[in-house]
Amino acid sequence: MNNTGKRADPADLVLGHAVDENDAPSADALELEDLLLPMHTGQETAPSPALWEAIEANLDAREDAPGTRTVRPTDGTWEMIAPGVERQMVFIDRDANQGGYYLRFATDAVLPSHSHDHHEHCVVLSGQLRLGRSRFGPGTYHFAERGHDHPPIIAEEEAMVFILGSLSP
């Protein structure tokens, strides 16, 4: 209802609030409406069965193993950290300045030489990587000691690794 006691015309509503000189919506409401309005199709769309299956699987996993968390490479977002190299954070401990993450390499991608302020633990999950003259394939564990530089990491083919190490570059 508006201030005159009449039901407001839906065209005059912003997030359910009447728009007139006496009841203007907040700037935040208007901004949110601008963001959401292009997504409105006028039709309700049910979530896909795959989405519901993923939600149920996550809920089931939490019930089966309280205090645990499962993250798959297909979950979350990936960020480009070097040409052809993407990272997906799966665990962050800001107090310790450490995290766990996947790195995904395109064929011939190069992760430049770098050092760490913490020890780094790396397990190759798929593909082939080269570090200097050493080659690493699936199942290989690699340890990088804190304070030491290691040479560039080169992907000889598409590859994925899991790393537990420093959050600092």
C-alpha atoms as a PDB file:
ATOM      1  CA  MET A   1       0.000   0.000   0.000  1.00  0.00           C
ATOM      2  CA  ASN A   2       1.173   3.526  -0.652  1.00  0.00           C
ATOM      3  CA  ASN A   3       0.578   6.593   1.508  1.00  0.00           C
ATOM      4  CA  THR A   4      -2.879   7.153  -0.049  1.00  0.00           C
ATOM      5  CA  GLY A   5      -4.101   3.739   1.148  1.00  0.00           C
ATOM      6  CA  LYS A   6      -4.222   2.355  -2.409  1.00  0.00           C
ATOM      7  CA  ARG A   7      -2.246  -0.636  -3.610  1.00  0.00           C
ATOM      8  CA  ALA A   8       0.877   0.571  -5.459  1.00  0.00           C
ATOM      9  CA  ASP A   9       1.191  -0.216  -9.133  1.00  0.00           C
ATOM     10  CA  PRO A  10       3.921  -2.913  -9.517  1.00  0.00           C
ATOM     11  CA  ALA A  11       5.603  -0.660 -12.091  1.00  0.00           C
ATOM     12  CA  ASP A  12       6.110   1.880  -9.310  1.00  0.00           C
ATOM     13  CA  LEU A  13       7.845  -0.548  -6.937  1.00  0.00           C
ATOM     14  CA  VAL A  14      11.556  -0.883  -6.247  1.00  0.00           C
ATOM     15  CA  LEU A  15      12.287  -4.103  -4.383  1.00  0.00           C
ATOM     16  CA  GLY A  16       8.757  -3.973  -2.979  1.00  0.00           C
ATOM     17  CA  HIS A  17       8.928  -0.317  -1.885  1.00  0.00           C
ATOM     18  CA  ALA A  18       6.659   2.326  -3.402  1.00  0.00           C
ATOM     19  CA  VAL A  19       8.374   5.093  -5.298  1.00  0.00           C
ATOM     20  CA  ASP A  20       6.907   8.542  -4.817  1.00  0.00           C
ATOM     21  CA  GLU A  21       7.986  11.852  -3.348  1.00  0.00           C
ATOM     22  CA  ASN A  22       7.074  10.704   0.187  1.00  0.00           C
ATOM     23  CA  ASP A  23       8.528   7.180   0.135  1.00  0.00           C
ATOM     24  CA  ALA A  24      11.633   7.226  -2.068  1.00  0.00           C
ATOM     25  CA  PRO A  25      13.726   4.026  -2.006  1.00  0.00           C
ATOM     26  CA  SER A  26      17.300   4.091  -0.835  1.00  0.00           C
ATOM     27  CA  ALA A  27      20.132   4.450  -3.331  1.00  0.00           C
ATOM     28  CA  ASP A  28      21.190   0.911  -2.402  1.00  0.00           C
ATOM     29  CA  ALA A  29      17.747  -0.435  -3.329  1.00  0.00           C
ATOM     30  CA  LEU A  30      17.842   1.358  -6.671  1.00  0.00           C
ATOM     31  CA  GLU A  31      21.354   0.081  -7.389  1.00  0.00           C
ATOM     32  CA  LEU A  32      20.340  -3.478  -6.508  1.00  0.00           C
ATOM     33  CA  GLU A  33      17.294  -3.210  -8.751  1.00  0.00           C
ATOM     34  CA  ASP A  34      19.498  -2.028 -11.629  1.00  0.00           C
ATOM     35  CA  LEU A  35      21.671  -5.112 -11.146  1.00  0.00           C
ATOM     36  CA  LEU A  36      18.801  -7.587 -10.819  1.00  0.00           C
ATOM     37  CA  LEU A  37      16.305  -6.235 -13.352  1.00  0.00           C
ATOM     38  CA  PRO A  38      18.220  -7.422 -16.464  1.00  0.00           C
ATOM     39  CA  MET A  39      18.037 -10.989 -15.076  1.00  0.00           C
ATOM     40  CA  HIS A  40      14.245 -10.888 -14.670  1.00  0.00           C
ATOM     41  CA  THR A  41      12.545 -12.761 -17.509  1.00  0.00           C
ATOM     42  CA  GLY A  42       9.027 -12.739 -16.090  1.00  0.00           C
ATOM     43  CA  GLN A  43       9.150 -16.532 -15.863  1.00  0.00           C
ATOM     44  CA  GLU A  44      10.232 -18.680 -12.969  1.00  0.00           C
ATOM     45  CA  THR A  45      13.013 -21.098 -13.812  1.00  0.00           C
ATOM     46  CA  ALA A  46      13.662 -24.170 -11.724  1.00  0.00           C
ATOM     47  CA  PRO A  47      17.279 -24.912 -10.783  1.00  0.00           C
ATOM     48  CA  SER A  48      18.859 -27.655 -12.864  1.00  0.00           C
ATOM     49  CA  PRO A  49      18.854 -31.225 -11.521  1.00  0.00           C
ATOM     50  CA  ALA A  50      22.684 -31.107 -11.519  1.00  0.00           C
ATOM     51  CA  LEU A  51      22.608 -28.148  -9.114  1.00  0.00           C
ATOM     52  CA  TRP A  52      20.284 -29.979  -6.734  1.00  0.00           C
ATOM     53  CA  GLU A  53      22.480 -33.102  -6.929  1.00  0.00           C
ATOM     54  CA  ALA A  54      25.571 -31.036  -6.037  1.00  0.00           C
ATOM     55  CA  ILE A  55      23.780 -29.400  -3.097  1.00  0.00           C
ATOM     56  CA  GLU A  56      22.551 -32.770  -1.810  1.00  0.00           C
ATOM     57  CA  ALA A  57      26.024 -34.309  -2.186  1.00  0.00           C
ATOM     58  CA  ASN A  58      27.570 -31.474  -0.167  1.00  0.00           C
ATOM     59  CA  LEU A  59      24.927 -31.811   2.548  1.00  0.00           C
ATOM     60  CA  ASP A  60      25.376 -35.593   2.640  1.00  0.00           C
ATOM     61  CA  ALA A  61      29.165 -35.228   2.894  1.00  0.00           C
ATOM     62  CA  ARG A  62      28.830 -32.874   5.857  1.00  0.00           C
ATOM     63  CA  GLU A  63      26.514 -35.315   7.629  1.00  0.00           C
ATOM     64  CA  ASP A  64      28.832 -38.260   6.910  1.00  0.00           C
ATOM     65  CA  ALA A  65      32.001 -36.546   8.144  1.00  0.00           C
ATOM     66  CA  PRO A  66      31.375 -33.559  10.439  1.00  0.00           C
ATOM     67  CA  GLY A  67      34.246 -31.091  10.610  1.00  0.00           C
ATOM     68  CA  THR A  68      35.426 -31.888   7.085  1.00  0.00           C
ATOM     69  CA  ARG A  69      35.193 -30.109   3.764  1.00  0.00           C
ATOM     70  CA  THR A  70      35.392 -31.509   0.247  1.00  0.00           C
ATOM     71  CA  VAL A  71      36.378 -29.346  -2.729  1.00  0.00           C
ATOM     72  CA  ARG A  72      36.571 -30.721  -6.237  1.00  0.00           C
ATOM     73  CA  PRO A  73      38.474 -29.079  -9.089  1.00  0.00           C
ATOM     74  CA  THR A  74      35.102 -28.447 -10.739  1.00  0.00           C
ATOM     75  CA  ASP A  75      33.939 -26.425  -7.693  1.00  0.00           C
ATOM     76  CA  GLY A  76      34.702 -22.754  -7.106  1.00  0.00           C
ATOM     77  CA  THR A  77      36.535 -20.282  -9.299  1.00  0.00           C
ATOM     78  CA  TRP A  78      39.930 -20.292 -10.971  1.00  0.00           C
ATOM     79  CA  GLU A  79      42.206 -17.248 -11.243  1.00  0.00           C
ATOM     80  CA  MET A  80      44.961 -16.775 -13.820  1.00  0.00           C
ATOM     81  CA  ILE A  81      48.333 -16.382 -12.045  1.00  0.00           C
ATOM     82  CA  ALA A  82      50.583 -16.689 -15.109  1.00  0.00           C
ATOM     83  CA  PRO A  83      49.870 -17.254 -18.804  1.00  0.00           C
ATOM     84  CA  GLY A  84      48.341 -20.741 -19.005  1.00  0.00           C
ATOM     85  CA  VAL A  85      48.490 -21.285 -15.220  1.00  0.00           C
ATOM     86  CA  GLU A  86      45.351 -21.034 -13.074  1.00  0.00           C
ATOM     87  CA  ARG A  87      44.876 -21.362  -9.313  1.00  0.00           C
ATOM     88  CA  GLN A  88      41.848 -22.432  -7.295  1.00  0.00           C
ATOM     89  CA  MET A  89      42.121 -21.781  -3.552  1.00  0.00           C
ATOM     90  CA  VAL A  90      40.561 -24.567  -1.486  1.00  0.00           C
ATOM     91  CA  PHE A  91      41.861 -23.774   2.012  1.00  0.00           C
ATOM     92  CA  ILE A  92      43.164 -20.592   3.642  1.00  0.00           C
ATOM     93  CA  ASP A  93      44.722 -20.200   7.092  1.00  0.00           C
ATOM     94  CA  ARG A  94      45.407 -16.468   7.309  1.00  0.00           C
ATOM     95  CA  ASP A  95      46.868 -16.742  10.829  1.00  0.00           C
ATOM     96  CA  ALA A  96      49.586 -19.073   9.521  1.00  0.00           C
ATOM     97  CA  ASN A  97      49.782 -17.345   6.089  1.00  0.00           C
ATOM     98  CA  GLN A  98      49.288 -20.752   4.453  1.00  0.00           C
ATOM     99  CA  GLY A  99      46.808 -22.230   2.065  1.00  0.00           C
ATOM    100  CA  GLY A 100      45.980 -25.239  -0.032  1.00  0.00           C
ATOM    101  CA  TYR A 101      45.241 -24.851  -3.712  1.00  0.00           C
ATOM    102  CA  TYR A 102      45.106 -26.496  -7.086  1.00  0.00           C
ATOM    103  CA  LEU A 103      47.268 -25.262  -9.954  1.00  0.00           C
ATOM    104  CA  ARG A 104      46.111 -26.105 -13.477  1.00  0.00           C
ATOM    105  CA  PHE A 105      48.655 -25.843 -16.306  1.00  0.00           C
ATOM    106  CA  ALA A 106      48.018 -25.646 -20.038  1.00  0.00           C
ATOM    107  CA  THR A 107      50.526 -27.428 -22.273  1.00  0.00           C
ATOM    108  CA  ASP A 108      53.811 -25.446 -22.446  1.00  0.00           C
ATOM    109  CA  ALA A 109      52.708 -23.046 -19.670  1.00  0.00           C
ATOM    110  CA  VAL A 110      55.491 -21.751 -17.426  1.00  0.00           C
ATOM    111  CA  LEU A 111      55.233 -20.808 -13.751  1.00  0.00           C
ATOM    112  CA  PRO A 112      58.153 -18.394 -13.232  1.00  0.00           C
ATOM    113  CA  SER A 113      60.941 -18.947 -10.713  1.00  0.00           C
ATOM    114  CA  HIS A 114      59.954 -17.916  -7.175  1.00  0.00           C
ATOM    115  CA  SER A 115      60.709 -18.480  -3.503  1.00  0.00           C
ATOM    116  CA  HIS A 116      58.498 -19.015  -0.457  1.00  0.00           C
ATOM    117  CA  ASP A 117      58.438 -17.854   3.156  1.00  0.00           C
ATOM    118  CA  HIS A 118      57.045 -21.290   4.175  1.00  0.00           C
ATOM    119  CA  HIS A 119      57.836 -24.860   3.190  1.00  0.00           C
ATOM    120  CA  GLU A 120      55.779 -25.936   0.179  1.00  0.00           C
ATOM    121  CA  HIS A 121      54.329 -29.390  -0.385  1.00  0.00           C
ATOM    122  CA  CYS A 122      53.227 -30.303  -3.911  1.00  0.00           C
ATOM    123  CA  VAL A 123      51.570 -33.438  -5.309  1.00  0.00           C
ATOM    124  CA  VAL A 124      51.202 -33.882  -9.069  1.00  0.00           C
ATOM    125  CA  LEU A 125      47.671 -35.073  -9.795  1.00  0.00           C
ATOM    126  CA  SER A 126      47.857 -35.320 -13.585  1.00  0.00           C
ATOM    127  CA  GLY A 127      50.105 -34.465 -16.505  1.00  0.00           C
ATOM    128  CA  GLN A 128      53.864 -33.990 -16.765  1.00  0.00           C
ATOM    129  CA  LEU A 129      55.868 -31.083 -15.337  1.00  0.00           C
ATOM    130  CA  ARG A 130      59.528 -30.195 -15.577  1.00  0.00           C
ATOM    131  CA  LEU A 131      61.538 -28.349 -12.934  1.00  0.00           C
ATOM    132  CA  GLY A 132      65.077 -27.855 -14.184  1.00  0.00           C
ATOM    133  CA  ARG A 133      66.181 -31.268 -15.450  1.00  0.00           C
ATOM    134  CA  SER A 134      63.700 -33.174 -13.241  1.00  0.00           C
ATOM    135  CA  ARG A 135      60.380 -34.449 -14.573  1.00  0.00           C
ATOM    136  CA  PHE A 136      57.332 -35.105 -12.416  1.00  0.00           C
ATOM    137  CA  GLY A 137      54.230 -37.138 -13.237  1.00  0.00           C
ATOM    138  CA  PRO A 138      51.041 -38.200 -11.446  1.00  0.00           C
ATOM    139  CA  GLY A 139      51.560 -39.218  -7.823  1.00  0.00           C
ATOM    140  CA  THR A 140      54.908 -37.434  -7.460  1.00  0.00           C
ATOM    141  CA  TYR A 141      55.439 -35.491  -4.226  1.00  0.00           C
ATOM    142  CA  HIS A 142      57.737 -32.470  -4.385  1.00  0.00           C
ATOM    143  CA  PHE A 143      58.962 -30.458  -1.386  1.00  0.00           C
ATOM    144  CA  ALA A 144      60.316 -26.903  -1.661  1.00  0.00           C
ATOM    145  CA  GLU A 145      62.164 -25.627   1.392  1.00  0.00           C
ATOM    146  CA  ARG A 146      61.361 -22.144   2.674  1.00  0.00           C
ATOM    147  CA  GLY A 147      63.711 -19.373   1.593  1.00  0.00           C
ATOM    148  CA  HIS A 148      65.015 -21.138  -1.506  1.00  0.00           C
ATOM    149  CA  ASP A 149      64.308 -20.200  -5.101  1.00  0.00           C
ATOM    150  CA  HIS A 150      63.224 -22.916  -7.434  1.00  0.00           C
ATOM    151  CA  PRO A 151      63.505 -22.735 -11.201  1.00  0.00           C
ATOM    152  CA  PRO A 152      60.523 -22.197 -13.486  1.00  0.00           C
ATOM    153  CA  ILE A 153      57.981 -25.021 -13.638  1.00  0.00           C
ATOM    154  CA  ILE A 154      57.175 -25.994 -17.228  1.00  0.00           C
ATOM    155  CA  ALA A 155      54.139 -28.065 -18.242  1.00  0.00           C
ATOM    156  CA  GLU A 156      55.073 -30.608 -20.904  1.00  0.00           C
ATOM    157  CA  GLU A 157      51.346 -31.354 -21.236  1.00  0.00           C
ATOM    158  CA  GLU A 158      48.171 -30.277 -19.470  1.00  0.00           C
ATOM    159  CA  ALA A 159      48.740 -30.852 -15.768  1.00  0.00           C
ATOM    160  CA  MET A 160      47.227 -30.312 -12.345  1.00  0.00           C
ATOM    161  CA  VAL A 161      48.916 -30.208  -8.932  1.00  0.00           C
ATOM    162  CA  PHE A 162      47.804 -29.692  -5.357  1.00  0.00           C
ATOM    163  CA  ILE A 163      49.972 -27.406  -3.216  1.00  0.00           C
ATOM    164  CA  LEU A 164      50.046 -26.675   0.493  1.00  0.00           C
ATOM    165  CA  GLY A 165      52.195 -23.624   1.079  1.00  0.00           C
ATOM    166  CA  SER A 166      52.502 -19.911   1.649  1.00  0.00           C
ATOM    167  CA  LEU A 167      49.849 -17.400   0.659  1.00  0.00           C
ATOM    168  CA  SER A 168      52.591 -14.844  -0.049  1.00  0.00           C
ATOM    169  CA  PRO A 169      53.960 -14.610  -3.587  1.00  0.00           C
END
